[in-house]
Amino acid sequence: MEDDDECPPLAVELSPEKPYSPPPLGPSAASPVGVTVITGYLGAGKSTLVNYILSAQHGKRIAVILNEFGEEIGVERAMINEGQGGALVEEWVELANGCVCCTVKHSLVQALEQLVQRKERMDHILLETTGLADPAPLVSILWLDDQLESSIKLDSIITVIDAKNFRLQIDEHNKSSSFPEAFHQIAFADVVILNKIDLVEGSLEDLERQIHEVNALVTVVQSVRCQVDLNKIFDQQAYGAKVNT
């Protein structure tokens, strides 16, 4: 079956009005919930990765937010919260394992606020982006200082790459010195999942070398249908110091 990264059939329709200020944690509140941003171009395997995580036996309550970025809905607009008087349609799909999912077309921030205010606390949030070539604006918003005591925190950025198409991009880059679009996402990634390696003939060393030339610190994980070690996904704490216990 082809990996088409199909979108869930739900949407939270929102309109922007004011900047987002994350709700603070009280002195006795639990630690912030980690947010993993999943980027990658259509067909790379983002939805396959999300489905794999949701079906895996990890014992975590996961919230999945699919944020649709289009030309008419930029990152700046998506990062704006709607006002007190705005209409809100909240539709969360609750799965049997305690996980929840929704699709957001306008205000990602509103969805995050709804999520942290839910009675059932989530253990982790997966934010799957579509139509977003450059994750930089999104990262700049989610990367909050620990002193802000936000109820959420950016844990890591995962970029999913179609190994076969990436090799074609590299070949084109070598011929014309064009800048492969995937490089933008690799540059901001903490983990790159080199997916669909079963469709690539020969060694993958050249692909990994090219990835590390763009981002020397990134962790590269090879996969078929995004079946990866979930220790590479959860609790990376790439944007904050790990606490030794």
Protein backbone atom coordinates (compact mmCIF):
# COMPACT_ATOMS: atom_id res chain seq x y z
CA MET A 1 0.00 0.00 0.00
CA GLU A 2 1.28 3.45 -0.88
CA ASP A 3 2.04 5.83 1.93
CA ASP A 4 -0.07 8.86 1.05
CA ASP A 5 0.00 10.60 4.44
CA GLU A 6 -3.77 10.95 4.42
CA CYS A 7 -5.28 13.50 6.81
CA PRO A 8 -7.82 12.53 9.50
CA PRO A 9 -11.38 13.60 8.64
CA LEU A 10 -11.72 16.03 11.54
CA ALA A 11 -10.95 19.69 11.83
CA VAL A 12 -10.89 22.37 14.48
CA GLU A 13 -11.92 25.54 12.66
CA LEU A 14 -10.54 28.59 14.43
CA SER A 15 -9.97 32.27 13.76
CA PRO A 16 -6.99 34.33 15.00
CA GLU A 17 -7.13 37.27 17.35
CA LYS A 18 -4.44 37.52 20.02
CA PRO A 19 -0.94 36.15 20.71
CA TYR A 20 -0.51 32.97 22.71
CA SER A 21 0.64 32.96 26.32
CA PRO A 22 0.98 29.38 27.60
CA PRO A 23 -0.77 28.61 30.88
CA PRO A 24 1.73 28.46 33.76
CA LEU A 25 2.35 25.44 35.92
CA GLY A 26 1.63 25.70 39.59
CA PRO A 27 4.27 24.77 42.17
CA SER A 28 2.75 21.32 42.66
CA ALA A 29 1.86 20.67 39.04
CA ALA A 30 3.32 17.86 36.98
CA SER A 31 6.23 18.44 34.65
CA PRO A 32 5.51 19.92 31.19
CA VAL A 33 4.22 17.62 28.49
CA GLY A 34 6.74 17.07 25.70
CA VAL A 35 5.87 18.01 22.11
CA THR A 36 7.48 16.16 19.22
CA VAL A 37 7.20 17.94 15.86
CA ILE A 38 7.09 15.56 12.89
CA THR A 39 8.05 17.06 9.53
CA GLY A 40 8.58 15.60 6.09
CA TYR A 41 7.21 15.90 2.59
CA LEU A 42 4.05 14.24 1.32
CA GLY A 43 4.53 10.51 1.03
CA ALA A 44 7.68 10.36 3.17
CA GLY A 45 5.87 8.45 5.90
CA LYS A 46 4.77 10.96 8.55
CA SER A 47 1.33 9.43 9.02
CA THR A 48 2.81 5.95 8.94
CA LEU A 49 5.09 6.95 11.81
CA VAL A 50 2.19 8.40 13.80
CA ASN A 51 0.08 5.29 13.24
CA TYR A 52 2.98 3.08 14.28
CA ILE A 53 3.46 5.05 17.50
CA LEU A 54 -0.25 4.95 18.33
CA SER A 55 -0.43 1.18 17.82
CA ALA A 56 2.81 0.36 19.67
CA GLN A 57 2.88 -1.10 23.19
CA HIS A 58 4.44 1.78 25.13
CA GLY A 59 1.81 2.47 27.78
CA LYS A 60 1.75 6.20 27.04
CA ARG A 61 -1.29 8.41 26.51
CA ILE A 62 -0.46 10.19 23.27
CA ALA A 63 -2.18 13.22 21.76
CA VAL A 64 -1.83 13.70 18.00
CA ILE A 65 -2.42 17.08 16.38
CA LEU A 66 -2.33 17.32 12.60
CA ASN A 67 -1.61 20.95 11.73
CA GLU A 68 -2.35 21.83 8.12
CA PHE A 69 -0.22 24.73 6.88
CA GLY A 70 -1.19 26.07 3.48
CA GLU A 71 -0.26 29.11 1.45
CA GLU A 72 -3.37 30.91 2.68
CA ILE A 73 -2.74 29.94 6.32
CA GLY A 74 0.80 30.82 7.28
CA VAL A 75 2.68 29.82 10.40
CA GLU A 76 2.20 33.26 11.93
CA ARG A 77 -1.58 32.95 11.65
CA ALA A 78 -1.54 29.42 12.99
CA MET A 79 0.34 30.64 16.04
CA ILE A 80 -2.36 33.17 16.94
CA ASN A 81 -4.98 32.33 19.53
CA GLU A 82 -8.63 33.17 18.98
CA GLY A 83 -10.30 35.69 21.25
CA GLN A 84 -12.66 35.07 24.13
CA GLY A 85 -15.72 35.67 21.99
CA GLY A 86 -14.70 33.53 19.05
CA ALA A 87 -16.60 30.42 18.11
CA LEU A 88 -14.81 27.15 18.80
CA VAL A 89 -15.51 23.71 17.38
CA GLU A 90 -13.65 21.08 19.37
CA GLU A 91 -13.55 17.58 17.92
CA TRP A 92 -11.11 15.15 19.47
CA VAL A 93 -11.18 11.50 18.45
CA GLU A 94 -10.60 9.31 21.48
CA LEU A 95 -8.92 5.98 20.77
CA ALA A 96 -9.37 2.78 22.75
CA ASN A 97 -5.85 2.99 24.19
CA GLY A 98 -6.47 6.42 25.75
CA CYS A 99 -4.83 8.42 22.96
CA VAL A 100 -6.60 11.36 21.31
CA CYS A 101 -6.35 12.88 17.82
CA CYS A 102 -7.55 16.01 16.06
CA THR A 103 -6.89 18.07 12.94
CA VAL A 104 -6.21 21.81 13.20
CA LYS A 105 -6.44 24.10 10.18
CA HIS A 106 -6.07 27.52 11.78
CA SER A 107 -4.91 27.88 15.37
CA LEU A 108 -2.47 25.29 16.61
CA VAL A 109 -2.17 27.23 19.83
CA GLN A 110 -5.88 26.92 20.57
CA ALA A 111 -5.66 23.15 20.14
CA LEU A 112 -2.69 22.98 22.51
CA GLU A 113 -4.55 25.02 25.11
CA GLN A 114 -7.58 22.75 24.84
CA LEU A 115 -5.34 19.74 25.18
CA VAL A 116 -3.55 20.79 28.37
CA GLN A 117 -6.88 21.77 29.92
CA ARG A 118 -8.40 18.33 29.36
CA LYS A 119 -9.22 16.30 32.43
CA GLU A 120 -7.18 13.35 31.21
CA ARG A 121 -3.50 14.29 31.21
CA MET A 122 -1.52 13.26 28.15
CA ASP A 123 2.01 11.87 28.44
CA HIS A 124 3.23 13.23 25.11
CA ILE A 125 2.05 15.29 22.14
CA LEU A 126 2.84 14.50 18.49
CA LEU A 127 2.48 17.46 16.14
CA GLU A 128 2.39 16.31 12.52
CA THR A 129 2.80 19.17 10.07
CA THR A 130 1.62 19.23 6.46
CA GLY A 131 2.41 21.81 3.81
CA LEU A 132 5.26 23.28 5.87
CA ALA A 133 8.63 23.29 4.09
CA ASP A 134 10.59 25.23 6.70
CA PRO A 135 9.93 24.39 10.38
CA ALA A 136 11.91 27.37 11.71
CA PRO A 137 8.93 29.66 12.51
CA LEU A 138 7.15 26.83 14.29
CA VAL A 139 10.22 25.95 16.34
CA SER A 140 10.76 29.56 17.38
CA ILE A 141 7.29 29.61 18.93
CA LEU A 142 7.37 26.22 20.63
CA TRP A 143 10.92 26.51 21.97
CA LEU A 144 10.07 28.12 25.30
CA ASP A 145 12.44 28.97 28.11
CA ASP A 146 12.08 26.67 31.12
CA GLN A 147 11.63 29.73 33.33
CA LEU A 148 8.30 30.40 31.63
CA GLU A 149 7.04 27.25 33.37
CA SER A 150 4.88 26.37 30.41
CA SER A 151 2.59 23.37 30.59
CA ILE A 152 4.15 22.13 27.34
CA LYS A 153 7.72 21.98 26.06
CA LEU A 154 9.34 21.27 22.72
CA ASP A 155 10.99 17.88 23.08
CA SER A 156 12.40 17.24 19.60
CA ILE A 157 11.93 17.60 15.86
CA ILE A 158 11.66 14.43 13.79
CA THR A 159 12.10 14.66 10.02
CA VAL A 160 10.93 11.72 7.92
CA ILE A 161 12.68 11.31 4.57
CA ASP A 162 11.83 9.05 1.66
CA ALA A 163 15.23 7.48 0.99
CA LYS A 164 14.57 6.84 -2.70
CA ASN A 165 13.38 10.37 -3.47
CA PHE A 166 16.12 11.87 -1.34
CA ARG A 167 18.75 10.10 -3.42
CA LEU A 168 17.16 11.58 -6.55
CA GLN A 169 17.33 15.04 -4.96
CA ILE A 170 21.00 14.56 -4.15
CA ASP A 171 21.75 13.45 -7.72
CA GLU A 172 20.01 16.57 -9.02
CA HIS A 173 21.90 18.68 -6.49
CA ASN A 174 25.23 17.27 -7.67
CA LYS A 175 24.37 18.00 -11.31
CA SER A 176 22.96 21.51 -10.97
CA SER A 177 24.01 22.71 -7.49
CA SER A 178 20.34 23.17 -6.67
CA PHE A 179 19.44 23.16 -2.98
CA PRO A 180 17.27 20.14 -2.12
CA GLU A 181 14.11 21.16 -0.30
CA ALA A 182 14.59 18.40 2.25
CA PHE A 183 17.76 20.13 3.47
CA HIS A 184 15.65 22.80 5.22
CA GLN A 185 13.94 20.18 7.35
CA ILE A 186 17.13 18.23 7.98
CA ALA A 187 18.85 21.37 9.25
CA PHE A 188 16.32 21.73 12.09
CA ALA A 189 15.92 18.03 12.86
CA ASP A 190 17.10 16.29 16.00
CA VAL A 191 16.32 12.90 14.49
CA VAL A 192 16.05 12.00 10.79
CA ILE A 193 14.15 8.84 9.95
CA LEU A 194 15.50 7.57 6.65
CA ASN A 195 12.39 5.70 5.59
CA LYS A 196 11.63 3.25 2.76
CA ILE A 197 15.18 1.95 2.68
CA ASP A 198 13.83 -1.28 1.17
CA LEU A 199 13.20 0.67 -2.04
CA VAL A 200 16.82 1.78 -2.37
CA GLU A 201 19.46 -0.36 -4.02
CA GLY A 202 22.98 -0.47 -2.69
CA SER A 203 24.57 1.23 0.30
CA LEU A 204 22.92 4.05 2.20
CA GLU A 205 26.22 5.52 3.36
CA ASP A 206 26.07 8.33 0.81
CA LEU A 207 22.62 9.37 2.04
CA GLU A 208 23.69 9.41 5.68
CA ARG A 209 26.85 11.31 4.78
CA GLN A 210 24.80 13.95 2.95
CA ILE A 211 22.43 14.28 5.91
CA HIS A 212 25.33 14.81 8.30
CA GLU A 213 26.87 17.38 5.97
CA VAL A 214 23.70 19.41 6.44
CA ASN A 215 23.33 18.68 10.16
CA ALA A 216 26.35 17.15 11.84
CA LEU A 217 24.57 16.54 15.16
CA VAL A 218 21.43 14.85 13.90
CA THR A 219 20.68 11.21 14.72
CA VAL A 220 19.86 9.14 11.62
CA VAL A 221 17.58 6.13 12.00
CA GLN A 222 16.98 3.80 9.05
CA SER A 223 13.52 2.29 8.71
CA VAL A 224 11.00 0.40 6.62
CA ARG A 225 7.48 1.81 7.04
CA CYS A 226 8.76 3.93 9.94
CA GLN A 227 9.09 1.01 12.33
CA VAL A 228 11.71 2.48 14.65
CA ASP A 229 12.88 2.22 18.23
CA LEU A 230 10.54 4.54 20.13
CA ASN A 231 13.38 5.46 22.46
CA LYS A 232 14.51 7.59 19.51
CA ILE A 233 11.16 9.40 19.53
CA PHE A 234 10.13 10.02 23.13
CA ASP A 235 11.93 12.04 25.81
CA GLN A 236 14.76 13.36 23.65
CA GLN A 237 14.86 16.65 25.60
CA ALA A 238 16.69 18.26 22.71
CA TYR A 239 15.73 21.76 23.85
CA GLY A 240 16.40 21.47 27.56
CA ALA A 241 18.89 19.93 29.94
CA LYS A 242 18.19 16.35 30.92
CA VAL A 243 17.77 15.82 34.63
CA ASN A 244 19.67 12.97 36.17
CA THR A 245 17.67 11.05 38.75
